Amino acid sequence: MLPTKSRVRKESFGKIMKEGVFVHSPNFYLRLVDRKDKLPSFFSFVVPNKIKKTSVGRHLIKRRMSAVVEKLLITLKPGFLVIFFAKKDVSAFPFDDTEKEIIELLKKAKILG
């Protein structure tokens, strides 16, 4: 699980939702804002009730997304606020497929160094 110090704070959500840039993939999308500083990037993960009804299922998807980002944390560029959103229920997909898709999404967003 991604450490608390690497997560987006609640106060930043409004700014990211208002000013953030969209990047899409088939199962995920993200919104990001460049803070233009050298502090580490912060991440957050959102899985709506519409995607998965049970909190257990939503947390499973969030943990999977978080695990991929945690692996890549040292290779990601600093200075970004990023929120990942799940478009579909990916809990039945193999973890490797989820990992590949998130990596491609980060490359598309030009965050992956």
C-alpha atoms as a PDB file:
ATOM      1  CA  MET A   1       0.000   0.000   0.000  1.00  0.00           C
ATOM      2  CA  LEU A   2       1.217   3.464  -0.839  1.00  0.00           C
ATOM      3  CA  PRO A   3       2.468   5.330   2.255  1.00  0.00           C
ATOM      4  CA  THR A   4       0.315   8.153   3.619  1.00  0.00           C
ATOM      5  CA  LYS A   5       3.041  10.711   2.889  1.00  0.00           C
ATOM      6  CA  SER A   6       2.703   9.904  -0.842  1.00  0.00           C
ATOM      7  CA  ARG A   7      -1.071  10.401  -1.024  1.00  0.00           C
ATOM      8  CA  VAL A   8      -2.954  13.448  -2.279  1.00  0.00           C
ATOM      9  CA  ARG A   9      -4.447  15.523   0.544  1.00  0.00           C
ATOM     10  CA  LYS A  10      -8.186  16.262   0.587  1.00  0.00           C
ATOM     11  CA  GLU A  11      -7.530  19.982   0.163  1.00  0.00           C
ATOM     12  CA  SER A  12      -5.880  19.345  -3.228  1.00  0.00           C
ATOM     13  CA  PHE A  13      -8.752  17.337  -4.746  1.00  0.00           C
ATOM     14  CA  GLY A  14     -10.718  20.420  -5.823  1.00  0.00           C
ATOM     15  CA  LYS A  15      -7.710  21.953  -7.574  1.00  0.00           C
ATOM     16  CA  ILE A  16      -6.922  18.704  -9.382  1.00  0.00           C
ATOM     17  CA  MET A  17     -10.536  18.217 -10.479  1.00  0.00           C
ATOM     18  CA  LYS A  18     -10.776  21.813 -11.707  1.00  0.00           C
ATOM     19  CA  GLU A  19      -7.362  22.305 -13.337  1.00  0.00           C
ATOM     20  CA  GLY A  20      -6.207  18.733 -13.945  1.00  0.00           C
ATOM     21  CA  VAL A  21      -5.341  17.236 -17.323  1.00  0.00           C
ATOM     22  CA  PHE A  22      -7.152  14.016 -18.368  1.00  0.00           C
ATOM     23  CA  VAL A  23      -5.287  10.944 -19.600  1.00  0.00           C
ATOM     24  CA  HIS A  24      -7.365   7.892 -20.603  1.00  0.00           C
ATOM     25  CA  SER A  25      -6.862   4.154 -21.056  1.00  0.00           C
ATOM     26  CA  PRO A  26      -9.499   1.433 -21.559  1.00  0.00           C
ATOM     27  CA  ASN A  27      -9.996   0.670 -17.834  1.00  0.00           C
ATOM     28  CA  PHE A  28      -8.564   3.718 -16.055  1.00  0.00           C
ATOM     29  CA  TYR A  29      -8.140   7.434 -16.392  1.00  0.00           C
ATOM     30  CA  LEU A  30      -6.181   9.915 -14.404  1.00  0.00           C
ATOM     31  CA  ARG A  31      -6.191  13.610 -13.719  1.00  0.00           C
ATOM     32  CA  LEU A  32      -2.919  15.317 -12.965  1.00  0.00           C
ATOM     33  CA  VAL A  33      -1.594  18.728 -12.084  1.00  0.00           C
ATOM     34  CA  ASP A  34       2.046  19.755 -12.383  1.00  0.00           C
ATOM     35  CA  ARG A  35       3.071  21.662  -9.245  1.00  0.00           C
ATOM     36  CA  LYS A  36       6.380  22.641 -10.867  1.00  0.00           C
ATOM     37  CA  ASP A  37       8.468  21.856  -7.799  1.00  0.00           C
ATOM     38  CA  LYS A  38      10.922  19.167  -6.763  1.00  0.00           C
ATOM     39  CA  LEU A  39       8.776  17.606  -4.026  1.00  0.00           C
ATOM     40  CA  PRO A  40       7.778  13.976  -4.609  1.00  0.00           C
ATOM     41  CA  SER A  41       4.595  13.316  -6.583  1.00  0.00           C
ATOM     42  CA  PHE A  42       1.407  12.540  -4.681  1.00  0.00           C
ATOM     43  CA  PHE A  43      -1.192   9.953  -5.740  1.00  0.00           C
ATOM     44  CA  SER A  44      -4.766   9.028  -4.920  1.00  0.00           C
ATOM     45  CA  PHE A  45      -7.074   6.251  -6.142  1.00  0.00           C
ATOM     46  CA  VAL A  46     -10.830   6.410  -6.682  1.00  0.00           C
ATOM     47  CA  VAL A  47     -13.204   3.518  -7.385  1.00  0.00           C
ATOM     48  CA  PRO A  48     -16.859   4.641  -7.574  1.00  0.00           C
ATOM     49  CA  ASN A  49     -19.754   2.674  -6.097  1.00  0.00           C
ATOM     50  CA  LYS A  50     -21.083   2.309  -9.626  1.00  0.00           C
ATOM     51  CA  ILE A  51     -18.042   0.166 -10.544  1.00  0.00           C
ATOM     52  CA  LYS A  52     -18.028  -2.123  -7.505  1.00  0.00           C
ATOM     53  CA  LYS A  53     -20.849  -2.168  -4.941  1.00  0.00           C
ATOM     54  CA  THR A  54     -18.959  -3.653  -1.996  1.00  0.00           C
ATOM     55  CA  SER A  55     -16.272  -1.749  -0.135  1.00  0.00           C
ATOM     56  CA  VAL A  56     -14.149  -4.908  -0.085  1.00  0.00           C
ATOM     57  CA  GLY A  57     -14.156  -4.974  -3.905  1.00  0.00           C
ATOM     58  CA  ARG A  58     -13.400  -1.254  -4.170  1.00  0.00           C
ATOM     59  CA  HIS A  59     -10.484  -1.553  -1.752  1.00  0.00           C
ATOM     60  CA  LEU A  60      -9.094  -4.528  -3.692  1.00  0.00           C
ATOM     61  CA  ILE A  61      -8.977  -2.454  -6.870  1.00  0.00           C
ATOM     62  CA  LYS A  62      -7.427   0.501  -5.007  1.00  0.00           C
ATOM     63  CA  ARG A  63      -4.766  -1.747  -3.456  1.00  0.00           C
ATOM     64  CA  ARG A  64      -3.864  -3.147  -6.868  1.00  0.00           C
ATOM     65  CA  MET A  65      -3.499   0.316  -8.404  1.00  0.00           C
ATOM     66  CA  SER A  66      -1.529   1.461  -5.362  1.00  0.00           C
ATOM     67  CA  ALA A  67       0.811  -1.539  -5.550  1.00  0.00           C
ATOM     68  CA  VAL A  68       1.714  -0.737  -9.164  1.00  0.00           C
ATOM     69  CA  VAL A  69       2.414   2.917  -8.366  1.00  0.00           C
ATOM     70  CA  GLU A  70       4.419   1.941  -5.275  1.00  0.00           C
ATOM     71  CA  LYS A  71       6.678  -0.270  -7.432  1.00  0.00           C
ATOM     72  CA  LEU A  72       7.284   2.643  -9.807  1.00  0.00           C
ATOM     73  CA  LEU A  73       7.599   5.373  -7.161  1.00  0.00           C
ATOM     74  CA  ILE A  74      11.360   5.872  -7.563  1.00  0.00           C
ATOM     75  CA  THR A  75      11.103   6.138 -11.372  1.00  0.00           C
ATOM     76  CA  LEU A  76       8.235   8.660 -11.401  1.00  0.00           C
ATOM     77  CA  LYS A  77       8.942  12.337 -11.979  1.00  0.00           C
ATOM     78  CA  PRO A  78       8.555  14.648  -8.970  1.00  0.00           C
ATOM     79  CA  GLY A  79       6.155  17.565  -8.656  1.00  0.00           C
ATOM     80  CA  PHE A  80       2.809  16.059  -9.732  1.00  0.00           C
ATOM     81  CA  LEU A  81      -0.562  15.585  -8.053  1.00  0.00           C
ATOM     82  CA  VAL A  82      -2.270  12.549  -9.610  1.00  0.00           C
ATOM     83  CA  ILE A  83      -5.695  10.970  -9.075  1.00  0.00           C
ATOM     84  CA  PHE A  84      -6.408   7.570 -10.665  1.00  0.00           C
ATOM     85  CA  PHE A  85     -10.014   6.619 -11.431  1.00  0.00           C
ATOM     86  CA  ALA A  86     -11.265   3.138 -12.315  1.00  0.00           C
ATOM     87  CA  LYS A  87     -13.653   3.030 -15.289  1.00  0.00           C
ATOM     88  CA  LYS A  88     -14.485  -0.680 -15.039  1.00  0.00           C
ATOM     89  CA  ASP A  89     -14.348  -3.506 -12.531  1.00  0.00           C
ATOM     90  CA  VAL A  90     -10.798  -4.786 -12.993  1.00  0.00           C
ATOM     91  CA  SER A  91     -10.765  -7.040  -9.921  1.00  0.00           C
ATOM     92  CA  ALA A  92     -11.215 -10.135 -12.120  1.00  0.00           C
ATOM     93  CA  PHE A  93      -8.345  -9.144 -14.454  1.00  0.00           C
ATOM     94  CA  PRO A  94      -4.879 -10.593 -13.892  1.00  0.00           C
ATOM     95  CA  PHE A  95      -2.628  -8.254 -11.915  1.00  0.00           C
ATOM     96  CA  ASP A  96      -0.086  -8.208 -14.759  1.00  0.00           C
ATOM     97  CA  ASP A  97      -2.653  -6.746 -17.169  1.00  0.00           C
ATOM     98  CA  THR A  98      -3.585  -4.050 -14.673  1.00  0.00           C
ATOM     99  CA  GLU A  99       0.085  -3.284 -14.128  1.00  0.00           C
ATOM    100  CA  LYS A 100       0.815  -2.984 -17.862  1.00  0.00           C
ATOM    101  CA  GLU A 101      -2.155  -0.693 -18.406  1.00  0.00           C
ATOM    102  CA  ILE A 102      -1.206   1.635 -15.543  1.00  0.00           C
ATOM    103  CA  ILE A 103       2.397   1.777 -16.768  1.00  0.00           C
ATOM    104  CA  GLU A 104       1.196   2.703 -20.265  1.00  0.00           C
ATOM    105  CA  LEU A 105      -1.121   5.327 -18.767  1.00  0.00           C
ATOM    106  CA  LEU A 106       1.770   6.879 -16.821  1.00  0.00           C
ATOM    107  CA  LYS A 107       3.955   6.876 -19.937  1.00  0.00           C
ATOM    108  CA  LYS A 108       1.164   8.561 -21.881  1.00  0.00           C
ATOM    109  CA  ALA A 109       0.940  11.214 -19.133  1.00  0.00           C
ATOM    110  CA  LYS A 110       4.742  11.665 -19.365  1.00  0.00           C
ATOM    111  CA  ILE A 111       5.210  11.089 -15.637  1.00  0.00           C
ATOM    112  CA  LEU A 112       7.202   7.869 -15.888  1.00  0.00           C
ATOM    113  CA  GLY A 113      10.885   8.806 -16.125  1.00  0.00           C
END
